Amino acid sequence: MNDKNQPPSPPTPEKAERLQAPVQIKEPLSFSVLLNALLKRPRDLIHTIQSSDQLPWLPLIMISSLCLTLFGIVVGSFSGGEQFWAAPLKILLGLSFGALICLPSLYIFACLAGLNVRFLTIIALLLCSISLLSLLLVGFAPVVWLFSTSSNSISFFGFLCIALWTICLTFGFKLLSRCATSLGVSKSSHLKVWMLVFTLVTLQLPTTLRPIIGTSDKLLNFSEKKFFLTHWLEQLGTPTPQNDRSADLN
């Protein structure tokens, strides 16, 4: 049978989404509309912000802050005490600082990738990606809470949090990549380099702001500078008593 007579295979959902032009959201970008758009219509959301020249920065920051605070409280419940407020504060401030210092490089790499958009749109891309990341972290919060109350292994709990962070970060990057493609990016390799840099930044900051998991005699350890891989390997090689949650992992 001649393959030329075969009808073309239907496009995959992701390919069909790329072929479909984004649609401007008609409703006001309220809190509930933003939540729905982040999960279901991220390309439409970025297109709406780009077209209307209005960034709903306050609702996006509120979504991210609330979700990161709730996730941080659950992480802090592993050790309790001051970690109930210190862990969410460090996670919130750490990610905010990381996003702020990586924003200029995102704009530069986006321009090198072929995007011809305003700086406001780049801010929207980053805010939406972080908001989705935060929403996914809250979705995993019950899993983190289960292991925080049933396990004494700080190494395993630290690995669990890092693994979930990496998964959520991947989905945030996917949103950024899909929206950048719809805006006309021509060289995705530039954005992939930035994603690698941002990943390294978000992994180094918990080590700089440690302890986030576990406790220590110091609230912050700025005087002891360590690369995050070196710190992790040291903690994995340190024997911890079965019922001791006071070790300093992150």
C-alpha atoms as a PDB file:
ATOM      1  CA  MET A   1       0.000   0.000   0.000  1.00  0.00           C
ATOM      2  CA  ASN A   2       1.304   3.448  -0.901  1.00  0.00           C
ATOM      3  CA  ASP A   3       1.970   5.579   2.155  1.00  0.00           C
ATOM      4  CA  LYS A   4       1.104   8.685   0.167  1.00  0.00           C
ATOM      5  CA  ASN A   5      -2.546   7.681   0.168  1.00  0.00           C
ATOM      6  CA  GLN A   6      -2.651   7.485   3.938  1.00  0.00           C
ATOM      7  CA  PRO A   7      -4.343  10.444   5.655  1.00  0.00           C
ATOM      8  CA  PRO A   8      -1.997  12.580   7.755  1.00  0.00           C
ATOM      9  CA  SER A   9      -1.851  11.642  11.399  1.00  0.00           C
ATOM     10  CA  PRO A  10      -3.602  14.071  13.742  1.00  0.00           C
ATOM     11  CA  PRO A  11      -1.269  16.438  15.568  1.00  0.00           C
ATOM     12  CA  THR A  12      -0.419  15.800  19.164  1.00  0.00           C
ATOM     13  CA  PRO A  13      -2.118  18.052  21.763  1.00  0.00           C
ATOM     14  CA  GLU A  14       1.111  20.008  22.319  1.00  0.00           C
ATOM     15  CA  LYS A  15       1.642  20.509  18.569  1.00  0.00           C
ATOM     16  CA  ALA A  16      -1.993  21.530  18.121  1.00  0.00           C
ATOM     17  CA  GLU A  17      -1.588  24.071  20.904  1.00  0.00           C
ATOM     18  CA  ARG A  18       1.483  25.550  19.206  1.00  0.00           C
ATOM     19  CA  LEU A  19      -0.392  25.819  15.902  1.00  0.00           C
ATOM     20  CA  GLN A  20      -3.346  27.539  17.551  1.00  0.00           C
ATOM     21  CA  ALA A  21      -2.928  31.276  18.008  1.00  0.00           C
ATOM     22  CA  PRO A  22      -3.302  32.545  21.583  1.00  0.00           C
ATOM     23  CA  VAL A  23      -6.570  34.254  22.440  1.00  0.00           C
ATOM     24  CA  GLN A  24      -6.875  37.363  24.553  1.00  0.00           C
ATOM     25  CA  ILE A  25      -8.683  36.837  27.856  1.00  0.00           C
ATOM     26  CA  LYS A  26     -11.732  39.080  27.972  1.00  0.00           C
ATOM     27  CA  GLU A  27     -12.396  38.839  31.706  1.00  0.00           C
ATOM     28  CA  PRO A  28     -10.588  41.123  34.161  1.00  0.00           C
ATOM     29  CA  LEU A  29      -7.442  39.415  35.425  1.00  0.00           C
ATOM     30  CA  SER A  30      -8.744  38.794  38.919  1.00  0.00           C
ATOM     31  CA  PHE A  31      -7.296  36.316  41.406  1.00  0.00           C
ATOM     32  CA  SER A  32      -9.530  33.432  40.291  1.00  0.00           C
ATOM     33  CA  VAL A  33      -9.080  34.170  36.573  1.00  0.00           C
ATOM     34  CA  LEU A  34      -5.307  34.181  37.004  1.00  0.00           C
ATOM     35  CA  LEU A  35      -5.372  30.844  38.807  1.00  0.00           C
ATOM     36  CA  ASN A  36      -7.398  29.262  36.022  1.00  0.00           C
ATOM     37  CA  ALA A  37      -5.238  30.838  33.299  1.00  0.00           C
ATOM     38  CA  LEU A  38      -1.972  29.739  34.882  1.00  0.00           C
ATOM     39  CA  LEU A  39      -3.087  26.118  34.962  1.00  0.00           C
ATOM     40  CA  LYS A  40      -5.049  25.941  31.705  1.00  0.00           C
ATOM     41  CA  ARG A  41      -4.302  28.940  29.456  1.00  0.00           C
ATOM     42  CA  PRO A  42      -0.793  30.283  30.143  1.00  0.00           C
ATOM     43  CA  ARG A  43      -0.203  31.319  26.518  1.00  0.00           C
ATOM     44  CA  ASP A  44      -3.453  33.272  26.483  1.00  0.00           C
ATOM     45  CA  LEU A  45      -2.462  34.954  29.740  1.00  0.00           C
ATOM     46  CA  ILE A  46       0.916  36.122  28.404  1.00  0.00           C
ATOM     47  CA  HIS A  47      -0.729  37.254  25.160  1.00  0.00           C
ATOM     48  CA  THR A  48      -3.289  39.247  27.153  1.00  0.00           C
ATOM     49  CA  ILE A  49      -0.592  40.946  29.222  1.00  0.00           C
ATOM     50  CA  GLN A  50       1.425  41.690  26.085  1.00  0.00           C
ATOM     51  CA  SER A  51      -1.604  43.131  24.252  1.00  0.00           C
ATOM     52  CA  SER A  52      -3.115  45.155  27.093  1.00  0.00           C
ATOM     53  CA  ASP A  53       0.223  46.481  28.399  1.00  0.00           C
ATOM     54  CA  GLN A  54      -0.981  45.800  31.954  1.00  0.00           C
ATOM     55  CA  LEU A  55       0.772  43.417  34.315  1.00  0.00           C
ATOM     56  CA  PRO A  56      -1.327  41.998  37.185  1.00  0.00           C
ATOM     57  CA  TRP A  57       1.787  41.916  39.343  1.00  0.00           C
ATOM     58  CA  LEU A  58       0.011  42.169  42.687  1.00  0.00           C
ATOM     59  CA  PRO A  59      -2.259  39.083  42.269  1.00  0.00           C
ATOM     60  CA  LEU A  60       0.662  37.068  40.827  1.00  0.00           C
ATOM     61  CA  ILE A  61       2.929  38.022  43.721  1.00  0.00           C
ATOM     62  CA  MET A  62       0.129  37.227  46.196  1.00  0.00           C
ATOM     63  CA  ILE A  63      -0.363  33.779  44.650  1.00  0.00           C
ATOM     64  CA  SER A  64       3.366  33.022  44.780  1.00  0.00           C
ATOM     65  CA  SER A  65       3.849  34.416  48.295  1.00  0.00           C
ATOM     66  CA  LEU A  66       0.880  32.564  49.781  1.00  0.00           C
ATOM     67  CA  CYS A  67       1.808  29.239  48.165  1.00  0.00           C
ATOM     68  CA  LEU A  68       5.501  29.479  49.080  1.00  0.00           C
ATOM     69  CA  THR A  69       4.624  30.428  52.661  1.00  0.00           C
ATOM     70  CA  LEU A  70       2.305  27.436  53.055  1.00  0.00           C
ATOM     71  CA  PHE A  71       4.890  25.105  51.547  1.00  0.00           C
ATOM     72  CA  GLY A  72       7.577  26.562  53.818  1.00  0.00           C
ATOM     73  CA  ILE A  73       5.440  26.002  56.912  1.00  0.00           C
ATOM     74  CA  VAL A  74       5.050  22.340  55.963  1.00  0.00           C
ATOM     75  CA  VAL A  75       8.809  22.037  55.421  1.00  0.00           C
ATOM     76  CA  GLY A  76       9.421  23.746  58.761  1.00  0.00           C
ATOM     77  CA  SER A  77       7.156  21.258  60.511  1.00  0.00           C
ATOM     78  CA  PHE A  78       9.890  18.628  60.122  1.00  0.00           C
ATOM     79  CA  SER A  79      11.954  20.320  62.850  1.00  0.00           C
ATOM     80  CA  GLY A  80       9.336  22.564  64.462  1.00  0.00           C
ATOM     81  CA  GLY A  81      10.196  25.443  66.754  1.00  0.00           C
ATOM     82  CA  GLU A  82      11.566  28.527  65.026  1.00  0.00           C
ATOM     83  CA  GLN A  83      11.575  26.679  61.701  1.00  0.00           C
ATOM     84  CA  PHE A  84       7.804  27.169  61.468  1.00  0.00           C
ATOM     85  CA  TRP A  85       8.474  30.803  60.598  1.00  0.00           C
ATOM     86  CA  ALA A  86      12.130  30.713  59.520  1.00  0.00           C
ATOM     87  CA  ALA A  87      11.719  28.103  56.768  1.00  0.00           C
ATOM     88  CA  PRO A  88       8.845  29.834  54.903  1.00  0.00           C
ATOM     89  CA  LEU A  89      10.555  33.215  55.285  1.00  0.00           C
ATOM     90  CA  LYS A  90      13.829  31.897  53.855  1.00  0.00           C
ATOM     91  CA  ILE A  91      12.090  30.097  50.976  1.00  0.00           C
ATOM     92  CA  LEU A  92      10.037  33.172  50.082  1.00  0.00           C
ATOM     93  CA  LEU A  93      12.892  35.669  50.321  1.00  0.00           C
ATOM     94  CA  GLY A  94      15.378  33.305  48.693  1.00  0.00           C
ATOM     95  CA  LEU A  95      13.259  32.645  45.609  1.00  0.00           C
ATOM     96  CA  SER A  96      12.327  36.332  45.341  1.00  0.00           C
ATOM     97  CA  PHE A  97      15.996  37.331  45.468  1.00  0.00           C
ATOM     98  CA  GLY A  98      16.944  34.625  42.956  1.00  0.00           C
ATOM     99  CA  ALA A  99      14.244  35.753  40.530  1.00  0.00           C
ATOM    100  CA  LEU A 100      15.292  39.386  40.911  1.00  0.00           C
ATOM    101  CA  ILE A 101      18.976  38.804  40.165  1.00  0.00           C
ATOM    102  CA  CYS A 102      18.152  36.484  37.231  1.00  0.00           C
ATOM    103  CA  LEU A 103      15.596  38.816  35.625  1.00  0.00           C
ATOM    104  CA  PRO A 104      18.126  40.960  33.683  1.00  0.00           C
ATOM    105  CA  SER A 105      19.813  37.873  32.236  1.00  0.00           C
ATOM    106  CA  LEU A 106      16.412  36.469  31.222  1.00  0.00           C
ATOM    107  CA  TYR A 107      15.716  39.618  29.224  1.00  0.00           C
ATOM    108  CA  ILE A 108      19.138  39.454  27.556  1.00  0.00           C
ATOM    109  CA  PHE A 109      18.829  35.767  26.666  1.00  0.00           C
ATOM    110  CA  ALA A 110      15.258  36.290  25.439  1.00  0.00           C
ATOM    111  CA  CYS A 111      16.468  39.018  23.068  1.00  0.00           C
ATOM    112  CA  LEU A 112      19.300  36.775  21.866  1.00  0.00           C
ATOM    113  CA  ALA A 113      16.721  34.030  21.293  1.00  0.00           C
ATOM    114  CA  GLY A 114      14.814  36.269  18.879  1.00  0.00           C
ATOM    115  CA  LEU A 115      12.066  37.668  21.087  1.00  0.00           C
ATOM    116  CA  ASN A 116      11.001  41.205  20.248  1.00  0.00           C
ATOM    117  CA  VAL A 117       8.955  42.044  23.327  1.00  0.00           C
ATOM    118  CA  ARG A 118       8.933  44.666  26.034  1.00  0.00           C
ATOM    119  CA  PHE A 119      10.647  44.223  29.380  1.00  0.00           C
ATOM    120  CA  LEU A 120       7.163  44.114  30.929  1.00  0.00           C
ATOM    121  CA  THR A 121       6.429  40.907  29.032  1.00  0.00           C
ATOM    122  CA  ILE A 122       9.640  39.311  30.308  1.00  0.00           C
ATOM    123  CA  ILE A 123       8.619  40.185  33.866  1.00  0.00           C
ATOM    124  CA  ALA A 124       5.223  38.588  33.165  1.00  0.00           C
ATOM    125  CA  LEU A 125       6.904  35.414  31.871  1.00  0.00           C
ATOM    126  CA  LEU A 126       9.004  35.113  35.008  1.00  0.00           C
ATOM    127  CA  LEU A 127       6.161  35.939  37.405  1.00  0.00           C
ATOM    128  CA  CYS A 128       3.794  33.453  35.752  1.00  0.00           C
ATOM    129  CA  SER A 129       6.426  30.714  35.795  1.00  0.00           C
ATOM    130  CA  ILE A 130       7.136  31.285  39.500  1.00  0.00           C
ATOM    131  CA  SER A 131       3.404  31.411  40.264  1.00  0.00           C
ATOM    132  CA  LEU A 132       2.881  28.035  38.576  1.00  0.00           C
ATOM    133  CA  LEU A 133       5.908  26.637  40.397  1.00  0.00           C
ATOM    134  CA  SER A 134       4.444  27.834  43.708  1.00  0.00           C
ATOM    135  CA  LEU A 135       1.022  26.352  42.959  1.00  0.00           C
ATOM    136  CA  LEU A 136       2.582  22.970  42.214  1.00  0.00           C
ATOM    137  CA  LEU A 137       4.593  23.083  45.447  1.00  0.00           C
ATOM    138  CA  VAL A 138       1.382  23.610  47.418  1.00  0.00           C
ATOM    139  CA  GLY A 139      -0.108  20.661  45.572  1.00  0.00           C
ATOM    140  CA  PHE A 140       2.771  18.517  46.872  1.00  0.00           C
ATOM    141  CA  ALA A 141       2.557  19.968  50.392  1.00  0.00           C
ATOM    142  CA  PRO A 142       0.402  17.087  51.770  1.00  0.00           C
ATOM    143  CA  VAL A 143       3.052  14.599  50.590  1.00  0.00           C
ATOM    144  CA  VAL A 144       5.791  16.635  52.277  1.00  0.00           C
ATOM    145  CA  TRP A 145       3.710  16.884  55.467  1.00  0.00           C
ATOM    146  CA  LEU A 146       3.237  13.088  55.547  1.00  0.00           C
ATOM    147  CA  PHE A 147       6.963  12.424  55.492  1.00  0.00           C
ATOM    148  CA  SER A 148       7.739  15.310  57.855  1.00  0.00           C
ATOM    149  CA  THR A 149       5.579  13.671  60.525  1.00  0.00           C
ATOM    150  CA  SER A 150       6.433  10.018  59.843  1.00  0.00           C
ATOM    151  CA  SER A 151      10.152  10.076  59.065  1.00  0.00           C
ATOM    152  CA  ASN A 152      13.190  11.070  61.138  1.00  0.00           C
ATOM    153  CA  SER A 153      15.653  10.818  58.258  1.00  0.00           C
ATOM    154  CA  ILE A 154      16.772  14.345  57.445  1.00  0.00           C
ATOM    155  CA  SER A 155      18.713  13.081  54.416  1.00  0.00           C
ATOM    156  CA  PHE A 156      15.635  11.471  52.898  1.00  0.00           C
ATOM    157  CA  PHE A 157      13.432  14.470  53.706  1.00  0.00           C
ATOM    158  CA  GLY A 158      15.968  16.811  52.139  1.00  0.00           C
ATOM    159  CA  PHE A 159      16.163  14.632  49.026  1.00  0.00           C
ATOM    160  CA  LEU A 160      12.351  14.585  48.814  1.00  0.00           C
ATOM    161  CA  CYS A 161      12.109  18.380  48.968  1.00  0.00           C
ATOM    162  CA  ILE A 162      14.856  18.837  46.376  1.00  0.00           C
ATOM    163  CA  ALA A 163      13.231  16.291  44.056  1.00  0.00           C
ATOM    164  CA  LEU A 164       9.818  17.975  44.322  1.00  0.00           C
ATOM    165  CA  TRP A 165      11.421  21.387  43.809  1.00  0.00           C
ATOM    166  CA  THR A 166      13.111  20.121  40.634  1.00  0.00           C
ATOM    167  CA  ILE A 167       9.846  18.682  39.306  1.00  0.00           C
ATOM    168  CA  CYS A 168       7.936  21.910  39.936  1.00  0.00           C
ATOM    169  CA  LEU A 169      10.773  23.974  38.493  1.00  0.00           C
ATOM    170  CA  THR A 170      10.615  21.878  35.319  1.00  0.00           C
ATOM    171  CA  PHE A 171       6.922  22.679  34.875  1.00  0.00           C
ATOM    172  CA  GLY A 172       7.650  26.366  35.449  1.00  0.00           C
ATOM    173  CA  PHE A 173      10.308  26.232  32.728  1.00  0.00           C
ATOM    174  CA  LYS A 174       7.889  24.433  30.425  1.00  0.00           C
ATOM    175  CA  LEU A 175       5.374  27.262  30.827  1.00  0.00           C
ATOM    176  CA  LEU A 176       8.080  29.829  30.098  1.00  0.00           C
ATOM    177  CA  SER A 177       9.238  27.906  27.023  1.00  0.00           C
ATOM    178  CA  ARG A 178       5.727  27.435  25.617  1.00  0.00           C
ATOM    179  CA  CYS A 179       4.861  31.087  26.074  1.00  0.00           C
ATOM    180  CA  ALA A 180       8.181  32.208  24.586  1.00  0.00           C
ATOM    181  CA  THR A 181       7.545  29.990  21.559  1.00  0.00           C
ATOM    182  CA  SER A 182       4.120  31.559  21.038  1.00  0.00           C
ATOM    183  CA  LEU A 183       5.734  35.007  21.236  1.00  0.00           C
ATOM    184  CA  GLY A 184       8.124  34.123  18.413  1.00  0.00           C
ATOM    185  CA  VAL A 185      11.330  32.783  19.956  1.00  0.00           C
ATOM    186  CA  SER A 186      13.616  31.359  17.279  1.00  0.00           C
ATOM    187  CA  LYS A 187      16.512  29.911  19.316  1.00  0.00           C
ATOM    188  CA  SER A 188      15.414  27.897  22.311  1.00  0.00           C
ATOM    189  CA  SER A 189      19.013  27.057  23.265  1.00  0.00           C
ATOM    190  CA  HIS A 190      19.497  30.536  24.711  1.00  0.00           C
ATOM    191  CA  LEU A 191      16.564  30.112  27.083  1.00  0.00           C
ATOM    192  CA  LYS A 192      17.820  26.659  28.076  1.00  0.00           C
ATOM    193  CA  VAL A 193      21.108  28.202  29.164  1.00  0.00           C
ATOM    194  CA  TRP A 194      19.205  30.690  31.325  1.00  0.00           C
ATOM    195  CA  MET A 195      17.092  27.891  32.808  1.00  0.00           C
ATOM    196  CA  LEU A 196      20.286  26.081  33.828  1.00  0.00           C
ATOM    197  CA  VAL A 197      21.621  29.234  35.465  1.00  0.00           C
ATOM    198  CA  PHE A 198      18.350  29.837  37.326  1.00  0.00           C
ATOM    199  CA  THR A 199      18.318  26.217  38.522  1.00  0.00           C
ATOM    200  CA  LEU A 200      21.838  26.566  39.944  1.00  0.00           C
ATOM    201  CA  VAL A 201      20.861  29.824  41.649  1.00  0.00           C
ATOM    202  CA  THR A 202      17.773  28.311  43.293  1.00  0.00           C
ATOM    203  CA  LEU A 203      19.820  25.325  44.511  1.00  0.00           C
ATOM    204  CA  GLN A 204      22.630  27.488  45.907  1.00  0.00           C
ATOM    205  CA  LEU A 205      20.357  29.904  47.780  1.00  0.00           C
ATOM    206  CA  PRO A 206      18.992  27.288  50.263  1.00  0.00           C
ATOM    207  CA  THR A 207      22.589  26.396  51.134  1.00  0.00           C
ATOM    208  CA  THR A 208      23.439  30.086  51.621  1.00  0.00           C
ATOM    209  CA  LEU A 209      20.328  30.599  53.777  1.00  0.00           C
ATOM    210  CA  ARG A 210      20.661  27.329  55.690  1.00  0.00           C
ATOM    211  CA  PRO A 211      19.258  25.839  57.783  1.00  0.00           C
ATOM    212  CA  ILE A 212      15.892  25.427  56.063  1.00  0.00           C
ATOM    213  CA  ILE A 213      15.555  21.732  56.846  1.00  0.00           C
ATOM    214  CA  GLY A 214      16.766  20.830  60.309  1.00  0.00           C
ATOM    215  CA  THR A 215      18.093  23.250  62.913  1.00  0.00           C
ATOM    216  CA  SER A 216      21.400  24.834  63.797  1.00  0.00           C
ATOM    217  CA  ASP A 217      22.899  27.040  66.487  1.00  0.00           C
ATOM    218  CA  LYS A 218      22.807  29.877  63.944  1.00  0.00           C
ATOM    219  CA  LEU A 219      19.754  31.189  62.149  1.00  0.00           C
ATOM    220  CA  LEU A 220      21.952  31.970  59.110  1.00  0.00           C
ATOM    221  CA  ASN A 221      25.400  30.692  58.130  1.00  0.00           C
ATOM    222  CA  PHE A 222      26.721  33.502  55.944  1.00  0.00           C
ATOM    223  CA  SER A 223      30.205  33.144  57.417  1.00  0.00           C
ATOM    224  CA  GLU A 224      30.600  29.572  56.107  1.00  0.00           C
ATOM    225  CA  LYS A 225      30.577  29.651  52.301  1.00  0.00           C
ATOM    226  CA  LYS A 226      29.926  26.344  50.554  1.00  0.00           C
ATOM    227  CA  PHE A 227      28.844  25.129  47.138  1.00  0.00           C
ATOM    228  CA  PHE A 228      25.533  23.291  47.412  1.00  0.00           C
ATOM    229  CA  LEU A 229      26.898  19.968  46.096  1.00  0.00           C
ATOM    230  CA  THR A 230      29.766  20.070  48.605  1.00  0.00           C
ATOM    231  CA  HIS A 231      27.334  20.791  51.426  1.00  0.00           C
ATOM    232  CA  TRP A 232      24.969  18.000  50.395  1.00  0.00           C
ATOM    233  CA  LEU A 233      27.779  15.436  50.171  1.00  0.00           C
ATOM    234  CA  GLU A 234      29.049  16.439  53.603  1.00  0.00           C
ATOM    235  CA  GLN A 235      25.606  16.025  55.132  1.00  0.00           C
ATOM    236  CA  LEU A 236      25.020  12.677  53.454  1.00  0.00           C
ATOM    237  CA  GLY A 237      28.326  11.441  54.841  1.00  0.00           C
ATOM    238  CA  THR A 238      27.534  12.587  58.400  1.00  0.00           C
ATOM    239  CA  PRO A 239      25.825   9.909  60.523  1.00  0.00           C
ATOM    240  CA  THR A 240      22.627  11.193  62.139  1.00  0.00           C
ATOM    241  CA  PRO A 241      20.963   9.502  65.154  1.00  0.00           C
ATOM    242  CA  GLN A 242      17.628   7.920  64.341  1.00  0.00           C
ATOM    243  CA  ASN A 243      15.568  10.320  66.437  1.00  0.00           C
ATOM    244  CA  ASP A 244      17.686  13.446  65.891  1.00  0.00           C
ATOM    245  CA  ARG A 245      16.265  16.091  63.579  1.00  0.00           C
ATOM    246  CA  SER A 246      18.711  18.807  64.522  1.00  0.00           C
ATOM    247  CA  ALA A 247      21.218  18.271  61.722  1.00  0.00           C
ATOM    248  CA  ASP A 248      21.794  21.058  59.229  1.00  0.00           C
ATOM    249  CA  LEU A 249      20.999  19.865  55.692  1.00  0.00           C
ATOM    250  CA  ASN A 250      19.721  22.983  53.901  1.00  0.00           C
END
